[in-house]
Amino acid sequence: MSALLSRPLDGCSSDTPALLPPAVAAAVWRGDALGRPVSATWPSGFEVLDAVLPGGGWPGFGLTELLLPQAGTLEFRLCGPLLGRVAAGGGRVVLVGPPRPPHAPGLLPHG
């Protein structure tokens, strides 16, 4: 059995809900699913943001996608503190299909 997204994603050209394979649907954490418990979280580095994220921070595992009206508008200021801590601890940070190449000098302050 496959799961459907409850509504089309903003910016999608199709009005048809996206069909997700069961394994993917079970692993996807949706930002609008605030009632679901999050098992482990990482503090974002911003108290105001942590106050509205489920579990008080970014999900501790898996994939997080930032969807903004305009790509490349300083997303790393939002997630940079966490990415620096993950990298400093030996973790991996993978950018999948960024809209622009990351600006390395801008990432240096985050580690």
C-alpha atoms as a PDB file:
ATOM      1  CA  MET A   1       0.000   0.000   0.000  1.00  0.00           C
ATOM      2  CA  SER A   2       1.245   3.499  -0.773  1.00  0.00           C
ATOM      3  CA  ALA A   3       0.597   6.746   1.053  1.00  0.00           C
ATOM      4  CA  LEU A   4      -0.561   9.998  -0.475  1.00  0.00           C
ATOM      5  CA  LEU A   5       0.525  13.454   0.536  1.00  0.00           C
ATOM      6  CA  SER A   6      -2.520  15.151   2.015  1.00  0.00           C
ATOM      7  CA  ARG A   7      -2.105  18.128  -0.292  1.00  0.00           C
ATOM      8  CA  PRO A   8       0.116  19.023  -3.226  1.00  0.00           C
ATOM      9  CA  LEU A   9       3.384  20.717  -2.376  1.00  0.00           C
ATOM     10  CA  ASP A  10       3.621  24.444  -3.012  1.00  0.00           C
ATOM     11  CA  GLY A  11       5.242  25.079  -6.344  1.00  0.00           C
ATOM     12  CA  CYS A  12       4.171  21.726  -7.830  1.00  0.00           C
ATOM     13  CA  SER A  13       2.684  22.017 -11.276  1.00  0.00           C
ATOM     14  CA  SER A  14       0.397  19.035 -10.732  1.00  0.00           C
ATOM     15  CA  ASP A  15      -2.845  19.030  -8.759  1.00  0.00           C
ATOM     16  CA  THR A  16      -2.487  15.271  -8.268  1.00  0.00           C
ATOM     17  CA  PRO A  17      -1.208  14.284  -4.803  1.00  0.00           C
ATOM     18  CA  ALA A  18       2.229  12.672  -4.818  1.00  0.00           C
ATOM     19  CA  LEU A  19       2.267   8.900  -4.304  1.00  0.00           C
ATOM     20  CA  LEU A  20       4.884   7.721  -1.797  1.00  0.00           C
ATOM     21  CA  PRO A  21       6.123   4.136  -1.420  1.00  0.00           C
ATOM     22  CA  PRO A  22       5.243   2.734   2.047  1.00  0.00           C
ATOM     23  CA  ALA A  23       8.866   2.639   3.236  1.00  0.00           C
ATOM     24  CA  VAL A  24       9.330   6.286   2.280  1.00  0.00           C
ATOM     25  CA  ALA A  25       5.972   7.394   3.702  1.00  0.00           C
ATOM     26  CA  ALA A  26       6.822   5.801   7.062  1.00  0.00           C
ATOM     27  CA  ALA A  27      10.178   7.603   7.188  1.00  0.00           C
ATOM     28  CA  VAL A  28       8.971  11.079   6.173  1.00  0.00           C
ATOM     29  CA  TRP A  29       8.494  13.588   8.975  1.00  0.00           C
ATOM     30  CA  ARG A  30       6.185  16.363   7.893  1.00  0.00           C
ATOM     31  CA  GLY A  31       6.468  19.773   9.471  1.00  0.00           C
ATOM     32  CA  ASP A  32       2.693  20.045   9.702  1.00  0.00           C
ATOM     33  CA  ALA A  33       2.459  16.795  11.709  1.00  0.00           C
ATOM     34  CA  LEU A  34       2.961  18.576  15.016  1.00  0.00           C
ATOM     35  CA  GLY A  35       0.949  16.021  16.982  1.00  0.00           C
ATOM     36  CA  ARG A  36       3.382  13.191  16.238  1.00  0.00           C
ATOM     37  CA  PRO A  37       6.152  12.641  18.764  1.00  0.00           C
ATOM     38  CA  VAL A  38       9.699  13.121  17.562  1.00  0.00           C
ATOM     39  CA  SER A  39      12.068  10.587  19.096  1.00  0.00           C
ATOM     40  CA  ALA A  40      15.270  12.634  19.126  1.00  0.00           C
ATOM     41  CA  THR A  41      16.027  16.218  18.223  1.00  0.00           C
ATOM     42  CA  TRP A  42      18.986  18.566  17.838  1.00  0.00           C
ATOM     43  CA  PRO A  43      18.640  22.144  19.105  1.00  0.00           C
ATOM     44  CA  SER A  44      18.554  24.545  16.156  1.00  0.00           C
ATOM     45  CA  GLY A  45      20.599  27.204  17.922  1.00  0.00           C
ATOM     46  CA  PHE A  46      17.591  29.538  17.963  1.00  0.00           C
ATOM     47  CA  GLU A  47      15.289  29.413  21.015  1.00  0.00           C
ATOM     48  CA  VAL A  48      12.342  30.911  19.105  1.00  0.00           C
ATOM     49  CA  LEU A  49      12.615  28.263  16.373  1.00  0.00           C
ATOM     50  CA  ASP A  50      13.068  25.418  18.873  1.00  0.00           C
ATOM     51  CA  ALA A  51       9.873  26.545  20.625  1.00  0.00           C
ATOM     52  CA  VAL A  52       7.801  25.785  17.511  1.00  0.00           C
ATOM     53  CA  LEU A  53       9.620  22.691  16.210  1.00  0.00           C
ATOM     54  CA  PRO A  54       8.190  19.343  17.394  1.00  0.00           C
ATOM     55  CA  GLY A  55      10.356  17.948  20.163  1.00  0.00           C
ATOM     56  CA  GLY A  56      12.138  21.282  20.544  1.00  0.00           C
ATOM     57  CA  GLY A  57      14.562  21.069  17.614  1.00  0.00           C
ATOM     58  CA  TRP A  58      15.424  19.622  14.209  1.00  0.00           C
ATOM     59  CA  PRO A  59      14.647  15.892  13.821  1.00  0.00           C
ATOM     60  CA  GLY A  60      17.647  13.883  15.019  1.00  0.00           C
ATOM     61  CA  PHE A  61      17.781  11.621  11.997  1.00  0.00           C
ATOM     62  CA  GLY A  62      16.627  11.509   8.428  1.00  0.00           C
ATOM     63  CA  LEU A  63      16.124  14.188   5.836  1.00  0.00           C
ATOM     64  CA  THR A  64      15.046  17.776   6.406  1.00  0.00           C
ATOM     65  CA  GLU A  65      14.055  19.943   3.460  1.00  0.00           C
ATOM     66  CA  LEU A  66      13.808  23.719   3.676  1.00  0.00           C
ATOM     67  CA  LEU A  67      11.190  25.089   1.291  1.00  0.00           C
ATOM     68  CA  LEU A  68      11.393  28.837   0.764  1.00  0.00           C
ATOM     69  CA  PRO A  69       9.624  31.200  -1.632  1.00  0.00           C
ATOM     70  CA  GLN A  70      13.028  32.150  -3.068  1.00  0.00           C
ATOM     71  CA  ALA A  71      15.942  29.730  -3.021  1.00  0.00           C
ATOM     72  CA  GLY A  72      19.373  30.872  -1.940  1.00  0.00           C
ATOM     73  CA  THR A  73      18.191  33.452   0.587  1.00  0.00           C
ATOM     74  CA  LEU A  74      20.562  32.639   3.436  1.00  0.00           C
ATOM     75  CA  GLU A  75      19.144  29.231   4.406  1.00  0.00           C
ATOM     76  CA  PHE A  76      22.459  28.395   6.053  1.00  0.00           C
ATOM     77  CA  ARG A  77      21.877  31.078   8.669  1.00  0.00           C
ATOM     78  CA  LEU A  78      18.926  28.980   9.801  1.00  0.00           C
ATOM     79  CA  CYS A  79      20.547  25.545   9.794  1.00  0.00           C
ATOM     80  CA  GLY A  80      24.237  26.474  10.004  1.00  0.00           C
ATOM     81  CA  PRO A  81      24.616  26.174  13.783  1.00  0.00           C
ATOM     82  CA  LEU A  82      23.351  22.586  13.698  1.00  0.00           C
ATOM     83  CA  LEU A  83      25.327  21.617  10.592  1.00  0.00           C
ATOM     84  CA  GLY A  84      28.514  22.847  12.252  1.00  0.00           C
ATOM     85  CA  ARG A  85      27.853  20.750  15.379  1.00  0.00           C
ATOM     86  CA  VAL A  86      27.067  17.656  13.293  1.00  0.00           C
ATOM     87  CA  ALA A  87      30.250  18.030  11.218  1.00  0.00           C
ATOM     88  CA  ALA A  88      32.401  18.750  14.297  1.00  0.00           C
ATOM     89  CA  GLY A  89      31.089  15.548  15.884  1.00  0.00           C
ATOM     90  CA  GLY A  90      32.136  13.460  12.879  1.00  0.00           C
ATOM     91  CA  GLY A  91      28.649  13.331  11.350  1.00  0.00           C
ATOM     92  CA  ARG A  92      27.899  13.747   7.682  1.00  0.00           C
ATOM     93  CA  VAL A  93      26.056  16.613   6.074  1.00  0.00           C
ATOM     94  CA  VAL A  94      24.763  15.982   2.563  1.00  0.00           C
ATOM     95  CA  LEU A  95      23.274  18.690   0.364  1.00  0.00           C
ATOM     96  CA  VAL A  96      20.996  17.153  -2.254  1.00  0.00           C
ATOM     97  CA  GLY A  97      20.282  19.376  -5.231  1.00  0.00           C
ATOM     98  CA  PRO A  98      21.007  22.776  -3.685  1.00  0.00           C
ATOM     99  CA  PRO A  99      19.719  25.632  -5.872  1.00  0.00           C
ATOM    100  CA  ARG A 100      23.214  27.160  -5.905  1.00  0.00           C
ATOM    101  CA  PRO A 101      26.661  25.895  -4.902  1.00  0.00           C
ATOM    102  CA  PRO A 102      27.268  26.508  -1.183  1.00  0.00           C
ATOM    103  CA  HIS A 103      29.410  29.557  -0.424  1.00  0.00           C
ATOM    104  CA  ALA A 104      32.275  28.014   1.565  1.00  0.00           C
ATOM    105  CA  PRO A 105      33.476  31.275   3.189  1.00  0.00           C
ATOM    106  CA  GLY A 106      29.933  31.828   4.448  1.00  0.00           C
ATOM    107  CA  LEU A 107      29.882  28.366   6.038  1.00  0.00           C
ATOM    108  CA  LEU A 108      33.219  28.719   7.865  1.00  0.00           C
ATOM    109  CA  PRO A 109      31.750  30.530  10.909  1.00  0.00           C
ATOM    110  CA  HIS A 110      29.472  27.500  11.476  1.00  0.00           C
ATOM    111  CA  GLY A 111      32.344  24.992  11.528  1.00  0.00           C
END
